[in-house]
Amino acid sequence: MVPEQAPKFLQIAADCSVMRRAFRIALVVGCVLALINHGDRLLTLSFDGMSIAKIALTFLVPYCVSTYSSVQAVRERLQSLS
């Protein structure tokens, strides 16, 4: 009998529930951070390429952190079940 292999990181990260949760968290945290870090540019609508990239990263970082955290939680739960 072959033991069941644990899902890989990307398999868990691509799960709809993980992605939905990460998106919601990134939206909330990203908006707060964007206002704190780039509020002056947002209010005056003065963007250049670099500021747009920085704002995008402001949303990408919480998405990645949330995804990583969710994957680790799923892995721990699966490990405790076996």
PDB file of N, CA and C in Angstrom:
ATOM      1  N   MET A   1       0.837  -1.174   0.000  1.00  0.00           N
ATOM      2  CA  MET A   1       0.000   0.000   0.000  1.00  0.00           C
ATOM      3  C   MET A   1       0.890   1.248   0.000  1.00  0.00           C
ATOM      4  N   VAL A   2       0.588   2.196  -0.869  1.00  0.00           N
ATOM      5  CA  VAL A   2       1.376   3.418  -0.990  1.00  0.00           C
ATOM      6  C   VAL A   2       0.742   4.494  -0.115  1.00  0.00           C
ATOM      7  N   PRO A   3       1.548   5.168   0.758  1.00  0.00           N
ATOM      8  CA  PRO A   3       0.970   6.226   1.589  1.00  0.00           C
ATOM      9  C   PRO A   3       0.532   7.413   0.731  1.00  0.00           C
ATOM     10  N   GLU A   4      -0.550   8.030   1.142  1.00  0.00           N
ATOM     11  CA  GLU A   4      -1.073   9.176   0.421  1.00  0.00           C
ATOM     12  C   GLU A   4      -0.108  10.352   0.562  1.00  0.00           C
ATOM     13  N   GLN A   5       0.230  10.966  -0.577  1.00  0.00           N
ATOM     14  CA  GLN A   5       1.190  12.070  -0.566  1.00  0.00           C
ATOM     15  C   GLN A   5       0.482  13.375  -0.214  1.00  0.00           C
ATOM     16  N   ALA A   6       1.126  14.173   0.637  1.00  0.00           N
ATOM     17  CA  ALA A   6       0.562  15.467   1.030  1.00  0.00           C
ATOM     18  C   ALA A   6       0.556  16.405  -0.168  1.00  0.00           C
ATOM     19  N   PRO A   7      -0.453  17.268  -0.253  1.00  0.00           N
ATOM     20  CA  PRO A   7      -0.499  18.214  -1.377  1.00  0.00           C
ATOM     21  C   PRO A   7       0.679  19.180  -1.328  1.00  0.00           C
ATOM     22  N   LYS A   8       1.120  19.571  -2.496  1.00  0.00           N
ATOM     23  CA  LYS A   8       2.233  20.512  -2.626  1.00  0.00           C
ATOM     24  C   LYS A   8       1.751  21.927  -2.307  1.00  0.00           C
ATOM     25  N   PHE A   9       2.723  22.810  -2.046  1.00  0.00           N
ATOM     26  CA  PHE A   9       2.431  24.199  -1.685  1.00  0.00           C
ATOM     27  C   PHE A   9       1.499  24.844  -2.713  1.00  0.00           C
ATOM     28  N   LEU A  10       1.851  24.743  -3.997  1.00  0.00           N
ATOM     29  CA  LEU A  10       1.050  25.416  -5.032  1.00  0.00           C
ATOM     30  C   LEU A  10      -0.339  24.819  -5.178  1.00  0.00           C
ATOM     31  N   GLN A  11      -0.480  23.538  -4.886  1.00  0.00           N
ATOM     32  CA  GLN A  11      -1.813  22.925  -4.944  1.00  0.00           C
ATOM     33  C   GLN A  11      -2.727  23.533  -3.883  1.00  0.00           C
ATOM     34  N   ILE A  12      -2.192  23.721  -2.694  1.00  0.00           N
ATOM     35  CA  ILE A  12      -2.986  24.325  -1.616  1.00  0.00           C
ATOM     36  C   ILE A  12      -3.217  25.799  -1.911  1.00  0.00           C
ATOM     37  N   ALA A  13      -2.175  26.496  -2.362  1.00  0.00           N
ATOM     38  CA  ALA A  13      -2.278  27.939  -2.633  1.00  0.00           C
ATOM     39  C   ALA A  13      -3.280  28.237  -3.743  1.00  0.00           C
ATOM     40  N   ALA A  14      -3.462  27.301  -4.668  1.00  0.00           N
ATOM     41  CA  ALA A  14      -4.396  27.506  -5.780  1.00  0.00           C
ATOM     42  C   ALA A  14      -5.830  27.114  -5.431  1.00  0.00           C
ATOM     43  N   ASP A  15      -6.055  26.627  -4.225  1.00  0.00           N
ATOM     44  CA  ASP A  15      -7.403  26.272  -3.790  1.00  0.00           C
ATOM     45  C   ASP A  15      -8.275  27.531  -3.736  1.00  0.00           C
ATOM     46  N   CYS A  16      -9.498  27.412  -4.190  1.00  0.00           N
ATOM     47  CA  CYS A  16     -10.390  28.581  -4.265  1.00  0.00           C
ATOM     48  C   CYS A  16     -10.588  29.258  -2.912  1.00  0.00           C
ATOM     49  N   SER A  17     -10.742  28.480  -1.856  1.00  0.00           N
ATOM     50  CA  SER A  17     -10.981  29.092  -0.549  1.00  0.00           C
ATOM     51  C   SER A  17      -9.754  29.853  -0.059  1.00  0.00           C
ATOM     52  N   VAL A  18      -8.562  29.330  -0.320  1.00  0.00           N
ATOM     53  CA  VAL A  18      -7.328  30.022   0.061  1.00  0.00           C
ATOM     54  C   VAL A  18      -7.187  31.311  -0.742  1.00  0.00           C
ATOM     55  N   MET A  19      -7.446  31.230  -2.034  1.00  0.00           N
ATOM     56  CA  MET A  19      -7.317  32.417  -2.890  1.00  0.00           C
ATOM     57  C   MET A  19      -8.342  33.494  -2.525  1.00  0.00           C
ATOM     58  N   ARG A  20      -9.576  33.073  -2.242  1.00  0.00           N
ATOM     59  CA  ARG A  20     -10.617  34.034  -1.865  1.00  0.00           C
ATOM     60  C   ARG A  20     -10.252  34.751  -0.570  1.00  0.00           C
ATOM     61  N   ARG A  21      -9.796  33.986   0.417  1.00  0.00           N
ATOM     62  CA  ARG A  21      -9.413  34.565   1.704  1.00  0.00           C
ATOM     63  C   ARG A  21      -8.245  35.530   1.525  1.00  0.00           C
ATOM     64  N   ALA A  22      -7.242  35.131   0.770  1.00  0.00           N
ATOM     65  CA  ALA A  22      -6.073  35.978   0.547  1.00  0.00           C
ATOM     66  C   ALA A  22      -6.466  37.258  -0.199  1.00  0.00           C
ATOM     67  N   PHE A  23      -7.381  37.136  -1.161  1.00  0.00           N
ATOM     68  CA  PHE A  23      -7.823  38.312  -1.912  1.00  0.00           C
ATOM     69  C   PHE A  23      -8.540  39.306  -1.007  1.00  0.00           C
ATOM     70  N   ARG A  24      -9.437  38.799  -0.157  1.00  0.00           N
ATOM     71  CA  ARG A  24     -10.163  39.701   0.751  1.00  0.00           C
ATOM     72  C   ARG A  24      -9.210  40.398   1.719  1.00  0.00           C
ATOM     73  N   ILE A  25      -8.276  39.654   2.253  1.00  0.00           N
ATOM     74  CA  ILE A  25      -7.317  40.246   3.188  1.00  0.00           C
ATOM     75  C   ILE A  25      -6.446  41.263   2.464  1.00  0.00           C
ATOM     76  N   ALA A  26      -5.974  40.921   1.266  1.00  0.00           N
ATOM     77  CA  ALA A  26      -5.137  41.851   0.500  1.00  0.00           C
ATOM     78  C   ALA A  26      -5.901  43.117   0.148  1.00  0.00           C
ATOM     79  N   LEU A  27      -7.186  42.988  -0.120  1.00  0.00           N
ATOM     80  CA  LEU A  27      -7.988  44.163  -0.458  1.00  0.00           C
ATOM     81  C   LEU A  27      -8.093  45.115   0.733  1.00  0.00           C
ATOM     82  N   VAL A  28      -8.384  44.578   1.899  1.00  0.00           N
ATOM     83  CA  VAL A  28      -8.529  45.415   3.096  1.00  0.00           C
ATOM     84  C   VAL A  28      -7.183  45.996   3.522  1.00  0.00           C
ATOM     85  N   VAL A  29      -6.205  45.114   3.719  1.00  0.00           N
ATOM     86  CA  VAL A  29      -4.891  45.568   4.194  1.00  0.00           C
ATOM     87  C   VAL A  29      -4.217  46.438   3.134  1.00  0.00           C
ATOM     88  N   GLY A  30      -4.337  46.061   1.874  1.00  0.00           N
ATOM     89  CA  GLY A  30      -3.743  46.844   0.789  1.00  0.00           C
ATOM     90  C   GLY A  30      -4.312  48.249   0.721  1.00  0.00           C
ATOM     91  N   CYS A  31      -5.625  48.394   0.893  1.00  0.00           N
ATOM     92  CA  CYS A  31      -6.235  49.734   0.881  1.00  0.00           C
ATOM     93  C   CYS A  31      -5.713  50.591   2.027  1.00  0.00           C
ATOM     94  N   VAL A  32      -5.642  50.005   3.214  1.00  0.00           N
ATOM     95  CA  VAL A  32      -5.137  50.751   4.375  1.00  0.00           C
ATOM     96  C   VAL A  32      -3.691  51.177   4.134  1.00  0.00           C
ATOM     97  N   LEU A  33      -2.860  50.233   3.703  1.00  0.00           N
ATOM     98  CA  LEU A  33      -1.449  50.556   3.471  1.00  0.00           C
ATOM     99  C   LEU A  33      -1.263  51.539   2.322  1.00  0.00           C
ATOM    100  N   ALA A  34      -2.068  51.405   1.276  1.00  0.00           N
ATOM    101  CA  ALA A  34      -1.967  52.337   0.146  1.00  0.00           C
ATOM    102  C   ALA A  34      -2.321  53.750   0.589  1.00  0.00           C
ATOM    103  N   LEU A  35      -3.339  53.886   1.417  1.00  0.00           N
ATOM    104  CA  LEU A  35      -3.695  55.214   1.916  1.00  0.00           C
ATOM    105  C   LEU A  35      -2.612  55.791   2.818  1.00  0.00           C
ATOM    106  N   ILE A  36      -2.038  54.933   3.658  1.00  0.00           N
ATOM    107  CA  ILE A  36      -0.972  55.412   4.544  1.00  0.00           C
ATOM    108  C   ILE A  36       0.265  55.800   3.741  1.00  0.00           C
ATOM    109  N   ASN A  37       0.677  54.929   2.840  1.00  0.00           N
ATOM    110  CA  ASN A  37       1.950  55.126   2.144  1.00  0.00           C
ATOM    111  C   ASN A  37       1.861  56.000   0.895  1.00  0.00           C
ATOM    112  N   HIS A  38       0.699  56.042   0.256  1.00  0.00           N
ATOM    113  CA  HIS A  38       0.585  56.740  -1.028  1.00  0.00           C
ATOM    114  C   HIS A  38      -0.619  57.680  -1.069  1.00  0.00           C
ATOM    115  N   GLY A  39      -1.131  58.037   0.106  1.00  0.00           N
ATOM    116  CA  GLY A  39      -2.334  58.864   0.169  1.00  0.00           C
ATOM    117  C   GLY A  39      -2.223  60.168  -0.582  1.00  0.00           C
ATOM    118  N   ASP A  40      -1.066  60.829  -0.502  1.00  0.00           N
ATOM    119  CA  ASP A  40      -0.895  62.104  -1.195  1.00  0.00           C
ATOM    120  C   ASP A  40      -1.023  61.932  -2.704  1.00  0.00           C
ATOM    121  N   ARG A  41      -0.442  60.883  -3.248  1.00  0.00           N
ATOM    122  CA  ARG A  41      -0.538  60.639  -4.699  1.00  0.00           C
ATOM    123  C   ARG A  41      -1.957  60.206  -5.094  1.00  0.00           C
ATOM    124  N   LEU A  42      -2.619  59.446  -4.221  1.00  0.00           N
ATOM    125  CA  LEU A  42      -3.986  59.016  -4.520  1.00  0.00           C
ATOM    126  C   LEU A  42      -4.945  60.204  -4.540  1.00  0.00           C
ATOM    127  N   LEU A  43      -4.767  61.126  -3.589  1.00  0.00           N
ATOM    128  CA  LEU A  43      -5.657  62.292  -3.528  1.00  0.00           C
ATOM    129  C   LEU A  43      -5.465  63.245  -4.697  1.00  0.00           C
ATOM    130  N   THR A  44      -4.211  63.382  -5.144  1.00  0.00           N
ATOM    131  CA  THR A  44      -3.939  64.305  -6.253  1.00  0.00           C
ATOM    132  C   THR A  44      -3.929  63.605  -7.603  1.00  0.00           C
ATOM    133  N   LEU A  45      -4.095  62.286  -7.591  1.00  0.00           N
ATOM    134  CA  LEU A  45      -4.065  61.473  -8.819  1.00  0.00           C
ATOM    135  C   LEU A  45      -2.804  61.731  -9.642  1.00  0.00           C
ATOM    136  N   SER A  46      -1.675  61.868  -8.958  1.00  0.00           N
ATOM    137  CA  SER A  46      -0.402  62.080  -9.654  1.00  0.00           C
ATOM    138  C   SER A  46       0.424  60.800  -9.578  1.00  0.00           C
ATOM    139  N   PHE A  47       0.291  59.996 -10.612  1.00  0.00           N
ATOM    140  CA  PHE A  47       0.960  58.703 -10.656  1.00  0.00           C
ATOM    141  C   PHE A  47       2.003  58.679 -11.756  1.00  0.00           C
ATOM    142  N   ASP A  48       3.097  58.014 -11.483  1.00  0.00           N
ATOM    143  CA  ASP A  48       4.048  57.647 -12.523  1.00  0.00           C
ATOM    144  C   ASP A  48       4.191  56.128 -12.474  1.00  0.00           C
ATOM    145  N   GLY A  49       5.007  55.598 -13.340  1.00  0.00           N
ATOM    146  CA  GLY A  49       5.155  54.149 -13.407  1.00  0.00           C
ATOM    147  C   GLY A  49       5.625  53.536 -12.100  1.00  0.00           C
ATOM    148  N   MET A  50       6.566  54.202 -11.446  1.00  0.00           N
ATOM    149  CA  MET A  50       7.121  53.667 -10.207  1.00  0.00           C
ATOM    150  C   MET A  50       6.074  53.667  -9.095  1.00  0.00           C
ATOM    151  N   SER A  51       5.288  54.727  -8.994  1.00  0.00           N
ATOM    152  CA  SER A  51       4.280  54.765  -7.924  1.00  0.00           C
ATOM    153  C   SER A  51       3.182  53.735  -8.161  1.00  0.00           C
ATOM    154  N   ILE A  52       2.837  53.469  -9.402  1.00  0.00           N
ATOM    155  CA  ILE A  52       1.841  52.434  -9.705  1.00  0.00           C
ATOM    156  C   ILE A  52       2.387  51.065  -9.316  1.00  0.00           C
ATOM    157  N   ALA A  53       3.659  50.821  -9.601  1.00  0.00           N
ATOM    158  CA  ALA A  53       4.277  49.552  -9.221  1.00  0.00           C
ATOM    159  C   ALA A  53       4.304  49.398  -7.697  1.00  0.00           C
ATOM    160  N   LYS A  54       4.611  50.469  -6.989  1.00  0.00           N
ATOM    161  CA  LYS A  54       4.650  50.406  -5.528  1.00  0.00           C
ATOM    162  C   LYS A  54       3.263  50.152  -4.944  1.00  0.00           C
ATOM    163  N   ILE A  55       2.259  50.766  -5.525  1.00  0.00           N
ATOM    164  CA  ILE A  55       0.886  50.547  -5.049  1.00  0.00           C
ATOM    165  C   ILE A  55       0.465  49.100  -5.315  1.00  0.00           C
ATOM    166  N   ALA A  56       0.835  48.576  -6.474  1.00  0.00           N
ATOM    167  CA  ALA A  56       0.524  47.170  -6.780  1.00  0.00           C
ATOM    168  C   ALA A  56       1.195  46.242  -5.767  1.00  0.00           C
ATOM    169  N   LEU A  57       2.447  46.525  -5.420  1.00  0.00           N
ATOM    170  CA  LEU A  57       3.149  45.710  -4.423  1.00  0.00           C
ATOM    171  C   LEU A  57       2.506  45.839  -3.050  1.00  0.00           C
ATOM    172  N   THR A  58       1.914  47.001  -2.783  1.00  0.00           N
ATOM    173  CA  THR A  58       1.224  47.217  -1.513  1.00  0.00           C
ATOM    174  C   THR A  58       0.070  46.231  -1.348  1.00  0.00           C
ATOM    175  N   PHE A  59      -0.523  45.810  -2.452  1.00  0.00           N
ATOM    176  CA  PHE A  59      -1.597  44.812  -2.409  1.00  0.00           C
ATOM    177  C   PHE A  59      -1.049  43.386  -2.538  1.00  0.00           C
ATOM    178  N   LEU A  60       0.030  43.225  -3.280  1.00  0.00           N
ATOM    179  CA  LEU A  60       0.586  41.894  -3.507  1.00  0.00           C
ATOM    180  C   LEU A  60       1.185  41.291  -2.236  1.00  0.00           C
ATOM    181  N   VAL A  61       1.851  42.104  -1.440  1.00  0.00           N
ATOM    182  CA  VAL A  61       2.515  41.584  -0.241  1.00  0.00           C
ATOM    183  C   VAL A  61       1.510  40.964   0.737  1.00  0.00           C
ATOM    184  N   PRO A  62       0.412  41.647   1.119  1.00  0.00           N
ATOM    185  CA  PRO A  62      -0.533  40.978   2.027  1.00  0.00           C
ATOM    186  C   PRO A  62      -1.182  39.740   1.405  1.00  0.00           C
ATOM    187  N   TYR A  63      -1.361  39.731   0.086  1.00  0.00           N
ATOM    188  CA  TYR A  63      -1.897  38.539  -0.578  1.00  0.00           C
ATOM    189  C   TYR A  63      -0.951  37.356  -0.376  1.00  0.00           C
ATOM    190  N   CYS A  64       0.338  37.598  -0.604  1.00  0.00           N
ATOM    191  CA  CYS A  64       1.332  36.531  -0.453  1.00  0.00           C
ATOM    192  C   CYS A  64       1.444  36.063   0.994  1.00  0.00           C
ATOM    193  N   VAL A  65       1.433  36.993   1.925  1.00  0.00           N
ATOM    194  CA  VAL A  65       1.535  36.629   3.339  1.00  0.00           C
ATOM    195  C   VAL A  65       0.319  35.809   3.768  1.00  0.00           C
ATOM    196  N   SER A  66      -0.858  36.223   3.353  1.00  0.00           N
ATOM    197  CA  SER A  66      -2.068  35.487   3.703  1.00  0.00           C
ATOM    198  C   SER A  66      -2.067  34.096   3.076  1.00  0.00           C
ATOM    199  N   THR A  67      -1.651  34.002   1.833  1.00  0.00           N
ATOM    200  CA  THR A  67      -1.591  32.706   1.160  1.00  0.00           C
ATOM    201  C   THR A  67      -0.611  31.780   1.871  1.00  0.00           C
ATOM    202  N   TYR A  68       0.562  32.286   2.178  1.00  0.00           N
ATOM    203  CA  TYR A  68       1.571  31.474   2.869  1.00  0.00           C
ATOM    204  C   TYR A  68       1.036  30.984   4.214  1.00  0.00           C
ATOM    205  N   SER A  69       0.417  31.886   4.959  1.00  0.00           N
ATOM    206  CA  SER A  69      -0.133  31.523   6.263  1.00  0.00           C
ATOM    207  C   SER A  69      -1.217  30.459   6.133  1.00  0.00           C
ATOM    208  N   SER A  70      -2.089  30.602   5.164  1.00  0.00           N
ATOM    209  CA  SER A  70      -3.160  29.625   4.953  1.00  0.00           C
ATOM    210  C   SER A  70      -2.599  28.267   4.555  1.00  0.00           C
ATOM    211  N   VAL A  71      -1.603  28.259   3.686  1.00  0.00           N
ATOM    212  CA  VAL A  71      -1.001  26.998   3.262  1.00  0.00           C
ATOM    213  C   VAL A  71      -0.363  26.293   4.457  1.00  0.00           C
ATOM    214  N   GLN A  72       0.343  27.041   5.281  1.00  0.00           N
ATOM    215  CA  GLN A  72       0.965  26.441   6.460  1.00  0.00           C
ATOM    216  C   GLN A  72      -0.097  25.884   7.418  1.00  0.00           C
ATOM    217  N   ALA A  73      -1.193  26.597   7.593  1.00  0.00           N
ATOM    218  CA  ALA A  73      -2.271  26.130   8.471  1.00  0.00           C
ATOM    219  C   ALA A  73      -2.895  24.849   7.925  1.00  0.00           C
ATOM    220  N   VAL A  74      -3.118  24.790   6.621  1.00  0.00           N
ATOM    221  CA  VAL A  74      -3.687  23.585   6.006  1.00  0.00           C
ATOM    222  C   VAL A  74      -2.721  22.420   6.165  1.00  0.00           C
ATOM    223  N   ARG A  75      -1.441  22.664   5.926  1.00  0.00           N
ATOM    224  CA  ARG A  75      -0.441  21.597   6.079  1.00  0.00           C
ATOM    225  C   ARG A  75      -0.411  21.057   7.512  1.00  0.00           C
ATOM    226  N   GLU A  76      -0.451  21.959   8.488  1.00  0.00           N
ATOM    227  CA  GLU A  76      -0.445  21.523   9.894  1.00  0.00           C
ATOM    228  C   GLU A  76      -1.688  20.705  10.218  1.00  0.00           C
ATOM    229  N   ARG A  77      -2.835  21.149   9.711  1.00  0.00           N
ATOM    230  CA  ARG A  77      -4.076  20.417   9.963  1.00  0.00           C
ATOM    231  C   ARG A  77      -4.024  19.035   9.328  1.00  0.00           C
ATOM    232  N   LEU A  78      -3.530  18.952   8.097  1.00  0.00           N
ATOM    233  CA  LEU A  78      -3.425  17.651   7.433  1.00  0.00           C
ATOM    234  C   LEU A  78      -2.433  16.731   8.140  1.00  0.00           C
ATOM    235  N   GLN A  79      -1.362  17.327   8.632  1.00  0.00           N
ATOM    236  CA  GLN A  79      -0.357  16.546   9.342  1.00  0.00           C
ATOM    237  C   GLN A  79      -0.905  15.994  10.657  1.00  0.00           C
ATOM    238  N   SER A  80      -1.717  16.787  11.337  1.00  0.00           N
ATOM    239  CA  SER A  80      -2.277  16.329  12.608  1.00  0.00           C
ATOM    240  C   SER A  80      -3.327  15.238  12.423  1.00  0.00           C
ATOM    241  N   LEU A  81      -3.919  15.174  11.232  1.00  0.00           N
ATOM    242  CA  LEU A  81      -4.917  14.155  10.943  1.00  0.00           C
ATOM    243  C   LEU A  81      -4.290  12.804  10.598  1.00  0.00           C
ATOM    244  N   SER A  82      -3.019  12.832  10.191  1.00  0.00           N
ATOM    245  CA  SER A  82      -2.384  11.570   9.778  1.00  0.00           C
ATOM    246  C   SER A  82      -1.585  10.928  10.883  1.00  0.00           C
TER     247      SER A  82
END
